[in-house]
Amino acid sequence: MDLFVCWANVWRSQSAEWFAKKFKKDVISCASVEARKEKYFYKPEKVITDIIFKKYNIDISKQEIYYPLDILKDIDNLENIYFLFDPKKAKKSDKEVLIKWKTLWEYFDSIWKKYSIYEIEDPDAKDDDTIVKIVDNINLVVNKIYS
């Protein structure tokens, strides 16, 4: 199983998860910095679901937002972990996304779980054209990972 991680699991990691499902069946995604489940009604941001559907014919509108504790049962089964931002640059994480009071990357470090970092621009508060470019970049990164 592979894991894609971003700040809030409402844009980048959700997109990467679904692009990766073309290559690998067992793929999940989760947040690691911000807890935004309630803000987005437990679903990915509507802007991104619309773009992914219109451009790639992939419907992620029913996908849930996950936090690290939601996927804790799967951590031992993770083969590959991909952060879509540099976690070392995050100032602090919301308590809802911590595991044993550690950030997700600190937790992975503590259990000797390796991960890769791909710095992809955060699409939050960008115009639609920029978001489309970011989504295309996510697709390119995922294709590169699995090719």
Protein backbone atom coordinates (compact mmCIF):
# COMPACT_ATOMS: atom_id res chain seq x y z
CA MET A 1 0.00 0.00 0.00
CA ASP A 2 1.21 3.53 -0.80
CA LEU A 3 0.39 6.77 0.99
CA PHE A 4 0.23 10.33 -0.34
CA VAL A 5 0.37 13.10 2.24
CA CYS A 6 -0.32 16.83 2.07
CA TRP A 7 -1.32 19.57 4.52
CA ALA A 8 -5.07 18.97 4.84
CA ASN A 9 -5.99 16.10 2.47
CA VAL A 10 -8.36 18.31 0.49
CA TRP A 11 -6.31 18.99 -2.69
CA ARG A 12 -2.90 17.54 -3.51
CA SER A 13 -2.89 14.16 -1.78
CA GLN A 14 -6.46 13.43 -2.85
CA SER A 15 -5.51 14.11 -6.49
CA ALA A 16 -2.32 12.06 -6.26
CA GLU A 17 -4.17 9.14 -4.68
CA TRP A 18 -6.58 8.91 -7.58
CA PHE A 19 -3.93 9.36 -10.25
CA ALA A 20 -1.94 6.58 -8.54
CA LYS A 21 -4.93 4.24 -8.59
CA LYS A 22 -4.34 3.88 -12.34
CA PHE A 23 -1.11 2.08 -11.46
CA LYS A 24 -1.64 0.54 -8.05
CA LYS A 25 -4.83 -0.59 -6.38
CA ASP A 26 -3.88 0.00 -2.74
CA VAL A 27 -3.32 3.74 -2.38
CA ILE A 28 -4.51 6.06 0.38
CA SER A 29 -3.99 9.69 1.31
CA CYS A 30 -4.13 11.77 4.47
CA ALA A 31 -3.55 15.17 6.06
CA SER A 32 -0.52 15.94 8.16
CA VAL A 33 -0.63 19.62 9.18
CA GLU A 34 -4.14 21.06 9.14
CA ALA A 35 -7.41 19.57 10.37
CA ARG A 36 -10.05 20.70 7.88
CA LYS A 37 -12.63 17.90 7.86
CA GLU A 38 -15.46 20.09 9.17
CA LYS A 39 -14.53 23.09 7.03
CA TYR A 40 -14.85 21.00 3.86
CA PHE A 41 -17.72 18.80 5.09
CA TYR A 42 -15.44 15.74 5.22
CA LYS A 43 -14.87 15.80 1.42
CA PRO A 44 -12.16 17.19 -0.89
CA GLU A 45 -12.43 20.84 -1.95
CA LYS A 46 -15.14 21.28 -4.60
CA VAL A 47 -12.85 23.23 -6.93
CA ILE A 48 -10.43 20.30 -7.13
CA THR A 49 -13.17 17.69 -7.53
CA ASP A 50 -14.60 19.68 -10.44
CA ILE A 51 -11.21 20.08 -12.14
CA ILE A 52 -10.28 16.40 -11.75
CA PHE A 53 -13.64 15.33 -13.11
CA LYS A 54 -13.72 17.75 -16.06
CA LYS A 55 -10.12 17.23 -17.14
CA TYR A 56 -9.46 13.59 -16.19
CA ASN A 57 -12.96 12.08 -15.80
CA ILE A 58 -12.12 10.97 -12.24
CA ASP A 59 -14.79 11.50 -9.59
CA ILE A 60 -13.25 12.11 -6.16
CA SER A 61 -16.27 13.98 -4.78
CA LYS A 62 -17.22 11.16 -2.40
CA GLN A 63 -13.69 10.57 -1.14
CA GLU A 64 -13.26 11.23 2.58
CA ILE A 65 -10.64 13.39 4.25
CA TYR A 66 -8.34 11.29 6.43
CA TYR A 67 -6.08 12.19 9.32
CA PRO A 68 -3.12 10.07 10.45
CA LEU A 69 -5.15 8.36 13.20
CA ASP A 70 -7.68 7.31 10.53
CA ILE A 71 -4.97 5.36 8.71
CA LEU A 72 -2.93 4.21 11.71
CA LYS A 73 -4.07 0.60 11.22
CA ASP A 74 -2.51 0.70 7.72
CA ILE A 75 0.89 2.16 8.63
CA ASP A 76 2.63 -1.21 8.99
CA ASN A 77 1.46 -2.11 5.47
CA LEU A 78 2.81 1.04 3.81
CA GLU A 79 5.38 0.27 1.14
CA ASN A 80 5.90 3.84 -0.08
CA ILE A 81 5.13 7.21 1.50
CA TYR A 82 5.10 10.40 -0.53
CA PHE A 83 4.84 13.85 1.03
CA LEU A 84 3.67 16.41 -1.52
CA PHE A 85 5.30 19.25 0.40
CA ASP A 86 8.41 19.53 2.54
CA PRO A 87 7.19 18.61 6.03
CA LYS A 88 10.33 20.02 7.63
CA LYS A 89 9.11 23.50 6.60
CA ALA A 90 5.81 23.18 8.48
CA LYS A 91 5.80 25.33 11.60
CA LYS A 92 3.29 23.28 13.61
CA SER A 93 0.45 20.83 13.11
CA ASP A 94 -3.08 20.86 14.47
CA LYS A 95 -3.49 18.45 17.38
CA GLU A 96 -6.10 16.43 15.45
CA VAL A 97 -3.44 15.29 12.97
CA LEU A 98 -0.85 14.22 15.52
CA ILE A 99 0.01 10.65 16.48
CA LYS A 100 1.13 10.31 20.10
CA TRP A 101 1.74 14.08 20.08
CA LYS A 102 4.11 13.77 17.11
CA THR A 103 3.67 15.08 13.60
CA LEU A 104 3.20 12.38 10.99
CA TRP A 105 6.77 12.76 9.69
CA GLU A 106 8.18 12.70 13.25
CA TYR A 107 6.18 9.55 13.88
CA PHE A 108 7.54 7.96 10.69
CA ASP A 109 11.05 8.98 11.72
CA SER A 110 10.54 7.42 15.17
CA ILE A 111 9.51 4.06 13.67
CA TRP A 112 12.19 4.20 10.97
CA LYS A 113 9.65 4.45 8.13
CA LYS A 114 11.20 6.06 5.06
CA TYR A 115 9.37 8.61 2.95
CA SER A 116 9.97 10.70 -0.16
CA ILE A 117 9.31 14.40 -0.54
CA TYR A 118 7.94 16.04 -3.69
CA GLU A 119 7.43 19.76 -3.22
CA ILE A 120 4.23 20.65 -5.05
CA GLU A 121 2.76 24.12 -4.76
CA ASP A 122 -0.26 24.45 -2.48
CA PRO A 123 -3.28 25.25 -4.70
CA ASP A 124 -5.17 26.98 -1.88
CA ALA A 125 -6.40 30.47 -2.86
CA LYS A 126 -5.12 30.20 -6.43
CA ASP A 127 -7.05 30.90 -9.63
CA ASP A 128 -8.48 27.98 -11.63
CA ASP A 129 -5.78 28.09 -14.34
CA THR A 130 -3.04 27.84 -11.71
CA ILE A 131 -4.87 25.00 -9.96
CA VAL A 132 -5.14 23.11 -13.26
CA LYS A 133 -1.37 23.48 -13.72
CA ILE A 134 -0.76 22.21 -10.19
CA VAL A 135 -3.06 19.22 -10.79
CA ASP A 136 -1.23 18.49 -14.05
CA ASN A 137 2.05 18.64 -12.12
CA ILE A 138 0.69 16.17 -9.55
CA ASN A 139 -0.27 13.85 -12.39
CA LEU A 140 3.25 14.13 -13.86
CA VAL A 141 4.85 13.36 -10.49
CA VAL A 142 2.61 10.33 -9.95
CA ASN A 143 3.35 9.08 -13.46
CA LYS A 144 7.08 9.50 -12.82
CA ILE A 145 6.82 7.60 -9.51
CA TYR A 146 5.07 4.62 -11.09
CA SER A 147 6.83 4.50 -14.46
